[in-house]
């Protein structure tokens, strides 16, 4: 992975962390806030591993980074142990949108039509 791609992946990971801290739990009562965050974030423990691997330049390409991040979302959907399950789905959607913007990925007409149907 080149230095520009490395920086973009680090930025995407930072965006995940910022999004999860600021937008995730606005409706949770303060008393239960920490407990629910810990329950929901349990599936996201691997973020630290991804951060470490990025720091050590352990990804050969962006695809390896994407596979690891998407694995986190898959496992979160599979576990369903979080009371705020839709949070993980919102975070995943936001991540995919951020990825397309950061890497300037544009949908083809066929992809756009498939999503509409």
Foldseek 3Di string as FASTA:
>chain_A
DDPLLLVLLVVLLVVLVVCCVPPQPPPDDPVCVVVLSCQLCVLVPCSVVLVVCSVVVVDPDVVVSVVSVVVSLVVLQVVPRHPSSVSSVVSVVVSVVSVCVSVVPDDDPVVVVVVVD
